N, C-alpha and C. Protein backbone atom coordinates (compact mmCIF):
# COMPACT_ATOMS: atom_id res chain seq x y z
N GLU A 1 11.92 -14.19 88.41
CA GLU A 1 11.75 -14.00 86.97
C GLU A 1 12.47 -15.12 86.22
N PRO A 2 11.86 -15.66 85.15
CA PRO A 2 12.53 -16.70 84.35
C PRO A 2 13.71 -16.11 83.60
N PRO A 3 14.72 -16.92 83.31
CA PRO A 3 15.87 -16.42 82.55
C PRO A 3 15.47 -16.06 81.12
N THR A 4 16.30 -15.23 80.48
CA THR A 4 16.06 -14.83 79.09
C THR A 4 17.19 -15.36 78.21
N TYR A 5 16.84 -16.02 77.13
CA TYR A 5 17.80 -16.53 76.16
C TYR A 5 17.60 -15.79 74.84
N THR A 6 18.70 -15.55 74.15
CA THR A 6 18.66 -14.75 72.92
C THR A 6 18.81 -15.62 71.68
N ILE A 7 17.91 -15.40 70.73
CA ILE A 7 17.98 -16.02 69.41
C ILE A 7 18.56 -14.99 68.45
N GLY A 8 19.52 -15.39 67.64
CA GLY A 8 20.06 -14.50 66.63
C GLY A 8 19.35 -14.67 65.30
N LEU A 9 19.15 -13.57 64.60
CA LEU A 9 18.61 -13.62 63.25
C LEU A 9 19.65 -13.03 62.31
N HIS A 10 20.14 -13.86 61.40
CA HIS A 10 21.11 -13.43 60.39
C HIS A 10 20.35 -13.29 59.08
N ALA A 11 20.13 -12.03 58.64
CA ALA A 11 19.24 -11.81 57.51
C ALA A 11 19.77 -10.74 56.57
N ASP A 12 19.34 -10.83 55.33
CA ASP A 12 19.55 -9.75 54.37
C ASP A 12 18.35 -8.82 54.47
N LEU A 13 18.55 -7.68 55.12
CA LEU A 13 17.45 -6.73 55.31
C LEU A 13 17.62 -5.46 54.48
N GLY A 14 18.73 -5.34 53.79
CA GLY A 14 18.97 -4.13 53.03
C GLY A 14 19.57 -4.38 51.66
N GLY A 15 19.55 -5.61 51.19
CA GLY A 15 20.16 -5.96 49.91
C GLY A 15 19.15 -6.57 48.96
N PRO A 16 19.63 -7.33 47.99
CA PRO A 16 18.74 -7.91 46.97
C PRO A 16 17.75 -8.94 47.52
N GLY A 17 18.07 -9.53 48.67
CA GLY A 17 17.16 -10.51 49.27
C GLY A 17 16.32 -9.93 50.39
N ARG A 18 16.08 -8.63 50.33
CA ARG A 18 15.39 -7.93 51.42
C ARG A 18 14.00 -8.50 51.71
N ALA A 19 13.25 -8.85 50.67
CA ALA A 19 11.88 -9.35 50.87
C ALA A 19 11.89 -10.63 51.71
N THR A 20 12.80 -11.55 51.37
CA THR A 20 12.90 -12.79 52.14
C THR A 20 13.40 -12.51 53.55
N GLY A 21 14.38 -11.62 53.68
CA GLY A 21 14.90 -11.28 54.99
C GLY A 21 13.85 -10.69 55.90
N LEU A 22 13.03 -9.78 55.37
CA LEU A 22 11.96 -9.18 56.17
C LEU A 22 10.91 -10.21 56.56
N ALA A 23 10.63 -11.15 55.65
CA ALA A 23 9.67 -12.21 55.99
C ALA A 23 10.19 -13.05 57.15
N HIS A 24 11.49 -13.37 57.13
CA HIS A 24 12.10 -14.08 58.26
C HIS A 24 11.99 -13.27 59.53
N GLN A 25 12.33 -11.99 59.44
CA GLN A 25 12.32 -11.15 60.64
C GLN A 25 10.93 -11.09 61.26
N ARG A 26 9.92 -10.90 60.44
CA ARG A 26 8.55 -10.82 60.97
C ARG A 26 8.12 -12.15 61.57
N GLY A 27 8.50 -13.25 60.90
CA GLY A 27 8.14 -14.56 61.43
C GLY A 27 8.79 -14.85 62.77
N VAL A 28 10.08 -14.51 62.90
CA VAL A 28 10.77 -14.74 64.17
C VAL A 28 10.21 -13.83 65.26
N GLN A 29 9.91 -12.58 64.91
CA GLN A 29 9.33 -11.67 65.89
C GLN A 29 8.00 -12.20 66.42
N LEU A 30 7.17 -12.73 65.53
CA LEU A 30 5.90 -13.30 65.95
C LEU A 30 6.11 -14.52 66.85
N ALA A 31 7.08 -15.37 66.48
CA ALA A 31 7.33 -16.58 67.27
C ALA A 31 7.84 -16.23 68.67
N VAL A 32 8.72 -15.25 68.75
CA VAL A 32 9.25 -14.83 70.06
C VAL A 32 8.14 -14.23 70.90
N ALA A 33 7.31 -13.38 70.30
CA ALA A 33 6.22 -12.76 71.05
C ALA A 33 5.22 -13.81 71.52
N ASP A 34 4.95 -14.80 70.67
CA ASP A 34 4.02 -15.87 71.05
C ASP A 34 4.55 -16.67 72.23
N HIS A 35 5.85 -16.99 72.18
CA HIS A 35 6.44 -17.74 73.29
C HIS A 35 6.40 -16.93 74.58
N ASN A 36 6.78 -15.67 74.51
CA ASN A 36 6.84 -14.84 75.71
C ASN A 36 5.47 -14.57 76.31
N ALA A 37 4.41 -14.72 75.53
CA ALA A 37 3.06 -14.50 76.03
C ALA A 37 2.51 -15.70 76.80
N ARG A 38 3.19 -16.82 76.73
CA ARG A 38 2.71 -18.03 77.42
C ARG A 38 2.90 -17.88 78.93
N GLU A 39 1.90 -18.24 79.67
CA GLU A 39 1.98 -18.12 81.13
C GLU A 39 2.80 -19.25 81.75
N ASP A 40 2.96 -20.38 81.05
CA ASP A 40 3.67 -21.52 81.62
C ASP A 40 5.12 -21.58 81.17
N LYS A 41 5.65 -20.50 80.61
CA LYS A 41 7.01 -20.53 80.06
C LYS A 41 8.03 -20.66 81.18
N ALA A 42 9.07 -21.45 80.91
CA ALA A 42 10.18 -21.61 81.86
C ALA A 42 11.28 -20.59 81.60
N PHE A 43 11.25 -19.93 80.48
CA PHE A 43 12.24 -18.92 80.13
C PHE A 43 11.62 -17.96 79.12
N ARG A 44 12.23 -16.80 78.97
CA ARG A 44 11.83 -15.82 77.97
C ARG A 44 12.82 -15.83 76.82
N LEU A 45 12.38 -15.33 75.68
CA LEU A 45 13.24 -15.22 74.51
C LEU A 45 13.44 -13.76 74.12
N ALA A 46 14.64 -13.45 73.68
CA ALA A 46 14.93 -12.15 73.10
C ALA A 46 15.48 -12.38 71.70
N LEU A 47 15.49 -11.33 70.88
CA LEU A 47 15.93 -11.45 69.50
C LEU A 47 17.02 -10.42 69.22
N ARG A 48 18.12 -10.89 68.65
CA ARG A 48 19.18 -10.00 68.16
C ARG A 48 19.31 -10.20 66.66
N THR A 49 19.22 -9.11 65.90
CA THR A 49 19.23 -9.18 64.44
C THR A 49 20.50 -8.57 63.88
N GLU A 50 21.08 -9.25 62.90
CA GLU A 50 22.23 -8.73 62.17
C GLU A 50 21.90 -8.72 60.68
N ASP A 51 22.11 -7.56 60.05
CA ASP A 51 21.81 -7.38 58.62
C ASP A 51 23.10 -7.53 57.82
N ASP A 52 23.12 -8.48 56.85
CA ASP A 52 24.32 -8.63 56.02
C ASP A 52 24.18 -7.97 54.65
N ALA A 53 22.99 -7.39 54.37
CA ALA A 53 22.73 -6.67 53.12
C ALA A 53 23.04 -7.50 51.87
N GLY A 54 23.09 -8.81 52.02
CA GLY A 54 23.35 -9.67 50.87
C GLY A 54 24.78 -9.65 50.39
N ASP A 55 25.70 -9.13 51.19
CA ASP A 55 27.10 -9.02 50.80
C ASP A 55 27.92 -10.09 51.52
N PRO A 56 28.72 -10.90 50.80
CA PRO A 56 29.47 -11.99 51.43
C PRO A 56 30.39 -11.55 52.55
N ALA A 57 31.10 -10.43 52.37
CA ALA A 57 32.01 -9.96 53.42
C ALA A 57 31.23 -9.50 54.64
N LYS A 58 30.15 -8.76 54.42
CA LYS A 58 29.32 -8.33 55.54
C LYS A 58 28.66 -9.52 56.23
N ALA A 59 28.34 -10.55 55.44
CA ALA A 59 27.71 -11.74 56.02
C ALA A 59 28.66 -12.43 56.99
N LEU A 60 29.93 -12.51 56.63
CA LEU A 60 30.90 -13.15 57.50
C LEU A 60 31.10 -12.34 58.78
N ARG A 61 31.10 -11.02 58.64
CA ARG A 61 31.22 -10.16 59.83
C ARG A 61 29.98 -10.27 60.71
N ALA A 62 28.81 -10.35 60.10
CA ALA A 62 27.57 -10.50 60.87
C ALA A 62 27.59 -11.82 61.64
N ALA A 63 28.04 -12.88 60.97
CA ALA A 63 28.14 -14.18 61.64
C ALA A 63 29.13 -14.11 62.80
N GLY A 64 30.22 -13.37 62.60
CA GLY A 64 31.21 -13.23 63.66
C GLY A 64 30.64 -12.53 64.88
N ARG A 65 29.82 -11.50 64.66
CA ARG A 65 29.24 -10.78 65.79
C ARG A 65 28.26 -11.65 66.57
N LEU A 66 27.43 -12.41 65.86
CA LEU A 66 26.49 -13.29 66.54
C LEU A 66 27.20 -14.43 67.24
N ALA A 67 28.22 -14.98 66.59
CA ALA A 67 28.95 -16.10 67.18
C ALA A 67 29.73 -15.66 68.41
N ALA A 68 30.15 -14.40 68.44
CA ALA A 68 30.94 -13.91 69.57
C ALA A 68 30.10 -13.48 70.76
N ASP A 69 28.80 -13.40 70.58
CA ASP A 69 27.90 -12.96 71.66
C ASP A 69 27.57 -14.16 72.54
N PRO A 70 28.04 -14.20 73.76
CA PRO A 70 27.78 -15.37 74.62
C PRO A 70 26.30 -15.53 74.98
N GLY A 71 25.52 -14.48 74.79
CA GLY A 71 24.10 -14.58 75.11
C GLY A 71 23.27 -15.23 74.02
N VAL A 72 23.83 -15.38 72.81
CA VAL A 72 23.09 -15.98 71.70
C VAL A 72 23.23 -17.50 71.77
N ILE A 73 22.09 -18.20 71.81
CA ILE A 73 22.12 -19.65 71.95
C ILE A 73 21.83 -20.38 70.64
N ALA A 74 21.29 -19.67 69.63
CA ALA A 74 20.99 -20.28 68.33
C ALA A 74 20.78 -19.16 67.33
N VAL A 75 20.91 -19.50 66.04
CA VAL A 75 20.78 -18.51 64.97
C VAL A 75 19.80 -19.02 63.92
N VAL A 76 18.89 -18.15 63.50
CA VAL A 76 18.04 -18.42 62.35
C VAL A 76 18.64 -17.67 61.16
N GLY A 77 18.90 -18.37 60.07
CA GLY A 77 19.52 -17.76 58.90
C GLY A 77 20.84 -18.45 58.62
N PRO A 78 21.61 -17.88 57.69
CA PRO A 78 21.32 -16.71 56.88
C PRO A 78 20.14 -16.93 55.92
N THR A 79 19.61 -15.82 55.42
CA THR A 79 18.37 -15.89 54.64
C THR A 79 18.60 -15.89 53.14
N GLY A 80 19.86 -15.89 52.69
CA GLY A 80 20.13 -15.87 51.26
C GLY A 80 19.83 -17.19 50.58
N ARG A 81 19.80 -17.16 49.26
CA ARG A 81 19.51 -18.36 48.47
C ARG A 81 20.65 -19.36 48.52
N LEU A 82 21.89 -18.87 48.70
CA LEU A 82 23.06 -19.74 48.75
C LEU A 82 23.58 -19.81 50.18
N LEU A 83 23.68 -21.02 50.73
CA LEU A 83 24.27 -21.23 52.05
C LEU A 83 25.75 -21.50 51.88
N ARG A 84 26.57 -20.57 52.37
CA ARG A 84 28.02 -20.66 52.16
C ARG A 84 28.71 -21.40 53.29
N GLU A 85 29.74 -22.15 52.92
CA GLU A 85 30.45 -22.99 53.89
C GLU A 85 31.15 -22.15 54.95
N ASP A 86 31.70 -20.97 54.57
CA ASP A 86 32.44 -20.18 55.57
C ASP A 86 31.53 -19.70 56.69
N LEU A 87 30.26 -19.42 56.37
CA LEU A 87 29.32 -18.99 57.41
C LEU A 87 28.98 -20.16 58.34
N VAL A 88 28.75 -21.32 57.76
CA VAL A 88 28.45 -22.50 58.57
C VAL A 88 29.62 -22.80 59.50
N GLU A 89 30.84 -22.72 58.98
CA GLU A 89 32.01 -23.01 59.80
C GLU A 89 32.17 -21.98 60.92
N ARG A 90 31.82 -20.71 60.64
CA ARG A 90 31.95 -19.68 61.67
C ARG A 90 31.02 -19.96 62.84
N TYR A 91 29.79 -20.34 62.54
CA TYR A 91 28.85 -20.66 63.61
C TYR A 91 29.23 -21.98 64.29
N GLU A 92 29.81 -22.90 63.53
CA GLU A 92 30.19 -24.19 64.09
C GLU A 92 31.29 -24.04 65.13
N THR A 93 32.16 -23.04 64.98
CA THR A 93 33.24 -22.85 65.96
C THR A 93 32.69 -22.55 67.35
N GLU A 94 31.50 -21.95 67.40
CA GLU A 94 30.86 -21.66 68.69
C GLU A 94 29.77 -22.66 69.03
N ARG A 95 29.64 -23.70 68.20
CA ARG A 95 28.62 -24.74 68.40
C ARG A 95 27.22 -24.15 68.52
N LEU A 96 26.95 -23.18 67.66
CA LEU A 96 25.63 -22.56 67.65
C LEU A 96 24.70 -23.31 66.70
N ALA A 97 23.55 -23.70 67.18
CA ALA A 97 22.54 -24.28 66.30
C ALA A 97 22.17 -23.23 65.25
N THR A 98 22.23 -23.64 63.96
CA THR A 98 21.97 -22.73 62.86
C THR A 98 20.81 -23.28 62.05
N VAL A 99 19.68 -22.57 62.08
CA VAL A 99 18.45 -23.05 61.44
C VAL A 99 18.26 -22.29 60.13
N VAL A 100 18.38 -23.00 59.00
CA VAL A 100 18.33 -22.39 57.68
C VAL A 100 17.01 -22.73 57.01
N VAL A 101 16.29 -21.70 56.58
CA VAL A 101 14.96 -21.89 56.03
C VAL A 101 14.91 -21.69 54.52
N ALA A 102 15.66 -20.73 53.98
CA ALA A 102 15.43 -20.29 52.61
C ALA A 102 16.43 -20.78 51.57
N ALA A 103 17.54 -21.35 51.98
CA ALA A 103 18.61 -21.65 51.02
C ALA A 103 18.17 -22.66 49.97
N GLY A 104 18.42 -22.32 48.69
CA GLY A 104 18.12 -23.24 47.62
C GLY A 104 19.32 -24.06 47.19
N SER A 105 20.52 -23.60 47.56
CA SER A 105 21.74 -24.33 47.22
C SER A 105 22.79 -24.05 48.28
N THR A 106 23.90 -24.79 48.22
CA THR A 106 24.91 -24.66 49.27
C THR A 106 26.28 -25.04 48.73
N THR A 107 27.32 -24.50 49.37
CA THR A 107 28.70 -24.92 49.11
C THR A 107 29.22 -25.78 50.26
N VAL A 108 28.36 -26.11 51.21
CA VAL A 108 28.75 -26.89 52.38
C VAL A 108 28.91 -28.35 51.99
N GLU A 109 30.03 -28.93 52.37
CA GLU A 109 30.25 -30.35 52.12
C GLU A 109 29.36 -31.20 53.03
N THR A 110 28.93 -32.34 52.54
CA THR A 110 28.11 -33.25 53.34
C THR A 110 28.85 -33.62 54.62
N GLY A 111 28.16 -33.52 55.74
CA GLY A 111 28.76 -33.86 57.02
C GLY A 111 29.35 -32.67 57.74
N THR A 112 29.45 -31.51 57.06
CA THR A 112 29.96 -30.31 57.70
C THR A 112 28.85 -29.65 58.51
N GLY A 113 29.19 -29.20 59.70
CA GLY A 113 28.20 -28.48 60.49
C GLY A 113 27.32 -29.42 61.30
N LEU A 114 27.84 -29.90 62.41
CA LEU A 114 27.06 -30.82 63.24
C LEU A 114 25.84 -30.14 63.85
N HIS A 115 25.88 -28.80 63.92
CA HIS A 115 24.77 -28.06 64.53
C HIS A 115 23.92 -27.36 63.47
N LEU A 116 24.05 -27.78 62.22
CA LEU A 116 23.32 -27.16 61.11
C LEU A 116 21.99 -27.88 60.91
N CYS A 117 20.91 -27.10 60.90
CA CYS A 117 19.56 -27.65 60.69
C CYS A 117 18.96 -26.98 59.45
N VAL A 118 18.94 -27.69 58.32
CA VAL A 118 18.38 -27.17 57.08
C VAL A 118 16.94 -27.68 56.99
N THR A 119 15.98 -26.76 56.91
CA THR A 119 14.57 -27.14 57.04
C THR A 119 13.86 -27.31 55.70
N ARG A 120 14.56 -27.13 54.58
CA ARG A 120 13.95 -27.37 53.28
C ARG A 120 14.95 -28.09 52.38
N VAL A 121 14.43 -28.79 51.41
CA VAL A 121 15.28 -29.51 50.47
C VAL A 121 15.94 -28.51 49.53
N TYR A 122 17.22 -28.71 49.22
CA TYR A 122 17.88 -27.85 48.24
C TYR A 122 17.26 -28.08 46.86
N ASP A 123 17.36 -27.06 46.00
CA ASP A 123 16.69 -27.10 44.71
C ASP A 123 17.07 -28.31 43.87
N ASP A 124 18.36 -28.72 43.90
CA ASP A 124 18.77 -29.82 43.04
C ASP A 124 18.23 -31.17 43.49
N MET A 125 17.73 -31.25 44.73
CA MET A 125 17.14 -32.49 45.22
C MET A 125 15.61 -32.45 45.23
N LEU A 126 15.05 -31.26 45.06
CA LEU A 126 13.60 -31.11 45.15
C LEU A 126 12.84 -31.94 44.12
N PRO A 127 13.24 -31.93 42.82
CA PRO A 127 12.47 -32.72 41.85
C PRO A 127 12.40 -34.20 42.20
N THR A 128 13.48 -34.75 42.76
CA THR A 128 13.47 -36.16 43.17
C THR A 128 12.41 -36.40 44.23
N GLY A 129 12.27 -35.47 45.15
CA GLY A 129 11.24 -35.58 46.18
C GLY A 129 9.84 -35.51 45.59
N LEU A 130 9.66 -34.67 44.56
CA LEU A 130 8.34 -34.56 43.93
C LEU A 130 7.97 -35.87 43.23
N VAL A 131 8.93 -36.45 42.53
CA VAL A 131 8.69 -37.74 41.87
C VAL A 131 8.32 -38.79 42.92
N GLY A 132 9.05 -38.82 44.02
CA GLY A 132 8.76 -39.78 45.09
C GLY A 132 7.38 -39.58 45.68
N TYR A 133 6.98 -38.31 45.84
CA TYR A 133 5.66 -38.01 46.41
C TYR A 133 4.54 -38.56 45.52
N LEU A 134 4.70 -38.39 44.20
CA LEU A 134 3.66 -38.84 43.28
C LEU A 134 3.79 -40.33 42.94
N THR A 135 4.80 -40.97 43.50
CA THR A 135 4.95 -42.41 43.35
C THR A 135 4.40 -43.15 44.56
N ARG A 136 4.73 -42.64 45.76
CA ARG A 136 4.39 -43.38 46.98
C ARG A 136 3.27 -42.73 47.80
N THR A 137 3.32 -41.42 47.98
CA THR A 137 2.36 -40.76 48.88
C THR A 137 1.02 -40.51 48.19
N ARG A 138 1.07 -39.90 47.01
CA ARG A 138 -0.16 -39.64 46.24
C ARG A 138 0.05 -40.17 44.82
N PRO A 139 -0.03 -41.49 44.63
CA PRO A 139 0.25 -42.08 43.32
C PRO A 139 -0.61 -41.44 42.22
N ALA A 140 0.06 -41.06 41.12
CA ALA A 140 -0.63 -40.40 40.01
C ALA A 140 -0.42 -41.19 38.73
N THR A 141 -1.44 -41.21 37.86
CA THR A 141 -1.35 -41.92 36.59
C THR A 141 -1.28 -40.96 35.40
N ARG A 142 -1.75 -39.73 35.56
CA ARG A 142 -1.65 -38.71 34.51
C ARG A 142 -1.13 -37.43 35.16
N ILE A 143 0.10 -37.07 34.82
CA ILE A 143 0.79 -35.95 35.48
C ILE A 143 0.98 -34.82 34.48
N LEU A 144 0.47 -33.64 34.82
CA LEU A 144 0.68 -32.46 33.99
C LEU A 144 1.93 -31.74 34.52
N LEU A 145 2.98 -31.67 33.70
CA LEU A 145 4.22 -31.00 34.06
C LEU A 145 4.18 -29.59 33.51
N VAL A 146 4.29 -28.61 34.41
CA VAL A 146 4.23 -27.20 34.05
C VAL A 146 5.59 -26.57 34.29
N GLU A 147 6.31 -26.28 33.22
CA GLU A 147 7.62 -25.65 33.33
C GLU A 147 7.45 -24.14 33.18
N ASP A 148 7.79 -23.40 34.24
CA ASP A 148 7.57 -21.96 34.29
C ASP A 148 8.72 -21.22 33.61
N ALA A 149 8.41 -20.49 32.54
CA ALA A 149 9.44 -19.74 31.81
C ALA A 149 10.04 -18.62 32.66
N ALA A 150 9.37 -18.23 33.73
CA ALA A 150 9.91 -17.18 34.60
C ALA A 150 11.04 -17.69 35.49
N ASP A 151 11.21 -19.00 35.58
CA ASP A 151 12.29 -19.59 36.37
C ASP A 151 12.88 -20.75 35.57
N PRO A 152 13.63 -20.44 34.50
CA PRO A 152 14.06 -21.50 33.56
C PRO A 152 14.96 -22.56 34.17
N VAL A 153 15.77 -22.20 35.16
CA VAL A 153 16.69 -23.18 35.74
C VAL A 153 15.94 -24.27 36.50
N LEU A 154 15.08 -23.85 37.44
CA LEU A 154 14.33 -24.84 38.20
C LEU A 154 13.31 -25.56 37.32
N ALA A 155 12.76 -24.85 36.33
CA ALA A 155 11.83 -25.49 35.40
C ALA A 155 12.53 -26.61 34.64
N ARG A 156 13.74 -26.34 34.15
CA ARG A 156 14.49 -27.36 33.42
C ARG A 156 14.83 -28.55 34.32
N ASP A 157 15.31 -28.26 35.53
CA ASP A 157 15.68 -29.34 36.44
C ASP A 157 14.48 -30.22 36.79
N THR A 158 13.34 -29.59 37.00
CA THR A 158 12.13 -30.35 37.31
C THR A 158 11.72 -31.20 36.12
N GLY A 159 11.78 -30.61 34.94
CA GLY A 159 11.41 -31.34 33.73
C GLY A 159 12.31 -32.53 33.49
N VAL A 160 13.61 -32.34 33.64
CA VAL A 160 14.56 -33.44 33.43
C VAL A 160 14.29 -34.57 34.40
N ALA A 161 14.04 -34.23 35.66
CA ALA A 161 13.79 -35.26 36.68
C ALA A 161 12.56 -36.09 36.32
N PHE A 162 11.48 -35.45 35.88
CA PHE A 162 10.26 -36.19 35.57
C PHE A 162 10.39 -36.97 34.27
N HIS A 163 11.18 -36.48 33.33
CA HIS A 163 11.40 -37.25 32.10
C HIS A 163 12.26 -38.47 32.38
N ASP A 164 13.25 -38.31 33.26
CA ASP A 164 14.16 -39.41 33.57
C ASP A 164 13.54 -40.45 34.50
N ALA A 165 12.60 -40.02 35.33
CA ALA A 165 12.06 -40.93 36.35
C ALA A 165 10.55 -40.76 36.49
N THR A 166 9.87 -40.80 35.37
CA THR A 166 8.40 -40.76 35.43
C THR A 166 7.89 -41.94 36.24
N PRO A 167 7.00 -41.71 37.21
CA PRO A 167 6.48 -42.84 38.00
C PRO A 167 5.96 -43.96 37.12
N ALA A 168 6.24 -45.19 37.53
CA ALA A 168 5.86 -46.36 36.75
C ALA A 168 4.37 -46.36 36.44
N GLY A 169 4.04 -46.55 35.18
CA GLY A 169 2.65 -46.62 34.77
C GLY A 169 1.98 -45.28 34.56
N ALA A 170 2.71 -44.19 34.77
CA ALA A 170 2.12 -42.85 34.65
C ALA A 170 2.37 -42.26 33.28
N THR A 171 1.46 -41.43 32.82
CA THR A 171 1.59 -40.69 31.57
C THR A 171 1.95 -39.25 31.88
N LEU A 172 2.97 -38.73 31.20
CA LEU A 172 3.43 -37.36 31.44
C LEU A 172 2.89 -36.44 30.35
N ILE A 173 2.15 -35.42 30.78
CA ILE A 173 1.60 -34.41 29.87
C ILE A 173 2.36 -33.11 30.15
N GLU A 174 2.65 -32.34 29.12
CA GLU A 174 3.41 -31.10 29.33
C GLU A 174 2.65 -29.90 28.80
N HIS A 175 2.74 -28.81 29.56
CA HIS A 175 2.16 -27.53 29.12
C HIS A 175 2.99 -26.42 29.73
N PRO A 176 3.72 -25.65 28.91
CA PRO A 176 4.58 -24.60 29.47
C PRO A 176 3.76 -23.44 30.03
N LEU A 177 4.32 -22.79 31.04
CA LEU A 177 3.72 -21.58 31.58
C LEU A 177 4.57 -20.41 31.11
N VAL A 178 3.98 -19.54 30.30
CA VAL A 178 4.73 -18.43 29.71
C VAL A 178 4.96 -17.34 30.74
N ARG A 179 5.92 -16.47 30.45
CA ARG A 179 6.15 -15.30 31.31
C ARG A 179 4.92 -14.40 31.27
N GLY A 180 4.80 -13.56 32.31
CA GLY A 180 3.68 -12.63 32.35
C GLY A 180 2.48 -13.23 33.07
N ASN A 181 1.32 -12.65 32.81
CA ASN A 181 0.13 -12.99 33.59
C ASN A 181 -0.95 -13.70 32.78
N ALA A 182 -0.63 -14.10 31.55
CA ALA A 182 -1.71 -14.58 30.68
C ALA A 182 -1.84 -16.10 30.61
N GLY A 183 -0.89 -16.85 31.14
CA GLY A 183 -0.88 -18.27 30.87
C GLY A 183 -1.53 -19.18 31.91
N PHE A 184 -1.91 -18.66 33.06
CA PHE A 184 -2.38 -19.51 34.15
C PHE A 184 -3.69 -20.22 33.82
N GLY A 185 -4.63 -19.49 33.22
CA GLY A 185 -5.90 -20.10 32.87
C GLY A 185 -5.76 -21.22 31.87
N ALA A 186 -4.85 -21.04 30.89
CA ALA A 186 -4.65 -22.07 29.87
C ALA A 186 -4.10 -23.35 30.49
N VAL A 187 -3.19 -23.21 31.45
CA VAL A 187 -2.64 -24.38 32.12
C VAL A 187 -3.74 -25.11 32.89
N ALA A 188 -4.57 -24.34 33.61
CA ALA A 188 -5.64 -24.95 34.40
C ALA A 188 -6.63 -25.69 33.50
N ARG A 189 -6.94 -25.09 32.36
CA ARG A 189 -7.87 -25.77 31.44
C ARG A 189 -7.25 -27.04 30.87
N ARG A 190 -5.93 -27.01 30.62
CA ARG A 190 -5.26 -28.22 30.13
C ARG A 190 -5.29 -29.33 31.18
N ALA A 191 -5.19 -28.96 32.44
CA ALA A 191 -5.27 -29.96 33.50
C ALA A 191 -6.63 -30.67 33.49
N MET A 192 -7.66 -29.92 33.17
CA MET A 192 -9.00 -30.50 33.15
C MET A 192 -9.22 -31.32 31.88
N THR A 193 -8.89 -30.76 30.72
CA THR A 193 -9.12 -31.48 29.47
C THR A 193 -8.21 -32.69 29.33
N GLY A 194 -7.02 -32.61 29.94
CA GLY A 194 -6.09 -33.73 29.89
C GLY A 194 -6.33 -34.76 30.96
N ARG A 195 -7.35 -34.56 31.80
CA ARG A 195 -7.73 -35.47 32.88
C ARG A 195 -6.53 -35.79 33.79
N ALA A 196 -5.75 -34.77 34.09
CA ALA A 196 -4.57 -34.95 34.95
C ALA A 196 -5.02 -35.16 36.39
N ASP A 197 -4.43 -36.15 37.05
CA ASP A 197 -4.72 -36.32 38.47
C ASP A 197 -3.61 -35.73 39.35
N ALA A 198 -2.60 -35.09 38.71
CA ALA A 198 -1.57 -34.37 39.45
C ALA A 198 -1.01 -33.27 38.56
N VAL A 199 -0.76 -32.11 39.14
CA VAL A 199 -0.12 -31.00 38.44
C VAL A 199 1.18 -30.68 39.16
N VAL A 200 2.28 -30.65 38.40
CA VAL A 200 3.60 -30.34 38.97
C VAL A 200 4.03 -28.96 38.47
N PHE A 201 4.24 -28.03 39.38
CA PHE A 201 4.70 -26.69 39.02
C PHE A 201 6.22 -26.65 39.11
N GLY A 202 6.89 -26.51 37.97
CA GLY A 202 8.34 -26.42 37.94
C GLY A 202 8.76 -24.96 37.92
N GLY A 203 8.98 -24.41 39.09
CA GLY A 203 9.36 -23.01 39.21
C GLY A 203 9.52 -22.63 40.67
N GLY A 204 10.19 -21.51 40.92
CA GLY A 204 10.48 -21.14 42.29
C GLY A 204 9.80 -19.89 42.79
N HIS A 205 8.89 -19.31 41.99
CA HIS A 205 8.23 -18.08 42.41
C HIS A 205 6.91 -18.41 43.12
N ALA A 206 6.86 -18.12 44.41
CA ALA A 206 5.67 -18.47 45.20
C ALA A 206 4.42 -17.77 44.69
N SER A 207 4.56 -16.52 44.25
CA SER A 207 3.39 -15.78 43.78
C SER A 207 2.81 -16.42 42.51
N ARG A 208 3.69 -16.94 41.65
CA ARG A 208 3.20 -17.59 40.43
C ARG A 208 2.60 -18.96 40.74
N ALA A 209 3.18 -19.66 41.69
CA ALA A 209 2.57 -20.92 42.13
C ALA A 209 1.18 -20.67 42.69
N ALA A 210 1.04 -19.59 43.45
CA ALA A 210 -0.26 -19.25 44.03
C ALA A 210 -1.28 -18.91 42.94
N ARG A 211 -0.83 -18.19 41.91
CA ARG A 211 -1.75 -17.84 40.83
C ARG A 211 -2.20 -19.08 40.06
N LEU A 212 -1.27 -20.03 39.89
CA LEU A 212 -1.65 -21.27 39.21
C LEU A 212 -2.63 -22.06 40.08
N ALA A 213 -2.38 -22.12 41.37
CA ALA A 213 -3.30 -22.82 42.28
C ALA A 213 -4.69 -22.19 42.24
N THR A 214 -4.75 -20.86 42.17
CA THR A 214 -6.03 -20.16 42.09
C THR A 214 -6.75 -20.49 40.79
N ALA A 215 -6.00 -20.52 39.69
CA ALA A 215 -6.60 -20.86 38.40
C ALA A 215 -7.13 -22.29 38.39
N LEU A 216 -6.38 -23.22 38.98
CA LEU A 216 -6.84 -24.61 39.06
C LEU A 216 -8.11 -24.72 39.87
N ALA A 217 -8.16 -24.02 41.00
CA ALA A 217 -9.37 -24.03 41.82
C ALA A 217 -10.56 -23.45 41.06
N GLY A 218 -10.29 -22.41 40.27
CA GLY A 218 -11.36 -21.79 39.50
C GLY A 218 -11.94 -22.71 38.46
N GLU A 219 -11.15 -23.65 37.97
CA GLU A 219 -11.64 -24.63 36.99
C GLU A 219 -12.24 -25.86 37.66
N GLY A 220 -12.19 -25.89 39.00
CA GLY A 220 -12.76 -27.02 39.71
C GLY A 220 -11.82 -28.22 39.81
N TYR A 221 -10.52 -27.99 39.63
CA TYR A 221 -9.55 -29.09 39.67
C TYR A 221 -9.40 -29.58 41.11
N THR A 222 -9.40 -30.92 41.30
CA THR A 222 -9.33 -31.49 42.64
C THR A 222 -8.16 -32.45 42.81
N GLY A 223 -7.29 -32.56 41.83
CA GLY A 223 -6.17 -33.49 41.93
C GLY A 223 -5.03 -32.95 42.78
N SER A 224 -3.92 -33.68 42.78
CA SER A 224 -2.75 -33.27 43.56
C SER A 224 -2.09 -32.08 42.90
N ARG A 225 -1.57 -31.16 43.73
CA ARG A 225 -0.83 -30.00 43.25
C ARG A 225 0.48 -29.91 44.00
N VAL A 226 1.60 -30.04 43.28
CA VAL A 226 2.90 -30.03 43.95
C VAL A 226 3.84 -29.03 43.28
C-alpha cells in the first residue's frame, strides 16, 4: 500500500468567514478525493481540519494543533481576510508549507515565512496589477472604471490607482455602481455607449462582479473585463 500524507486545513467554519471557510473545505475535499482516485498515485492524501471560528485566540490554538501533528506535511489556510504574523510564525517553527488563498491583507513583514505560499495578490497591490494588465497584456485606450458602492474601500483604492497611473494614451471613463440590484444594466449600457474597450470592476464581492459580467454579456460587450 502507498504511504498516506496528511494535509491540514485551517479554516473559519463557524464564524463570520464561514462561507469562505466552507468553500475552502469543499475544494480541498474534492482535490484530495481526485488525487486518491488516481491509479498511478505514489501516495495517498488525508485531510485534517481545524476550525478557528474567526477568533484570533482560537486561530493560534488551531495552528498549534496542526503544527504539533507530525503527520501533517502542509497546511491550506488560514481562510480569513487578514493573514496574521503570529500564525505564519507558528507554522514556520515546524517548517510547514502554508498555502494561503483568501487573504486580502497581512501583518506579515516582507521576507517572513520561508515556507509561506500566498496565491493571490493582497488588496493594496491589486490595482497596480490591473493597471499593468491593461498596459502590457491587454492594452486599452478607453477604460470604464466602475467603483462599487458596496465595497467603498477597494473601490476607492482601485479608483486612486487608475487616476494616478492611467495607462499612457488611454482615456478614463467613470460610472459608479450603486448599492442594491438596480445599477448593473446602466453600467453595461455605459460601456457600450462610451465605446470602452476595457471595464474595471473596483470591488471585492464576487457575486456583484458576476452580475456585472452577466449584464455586459447581455449588452453584447466583448472588451476586456478585469
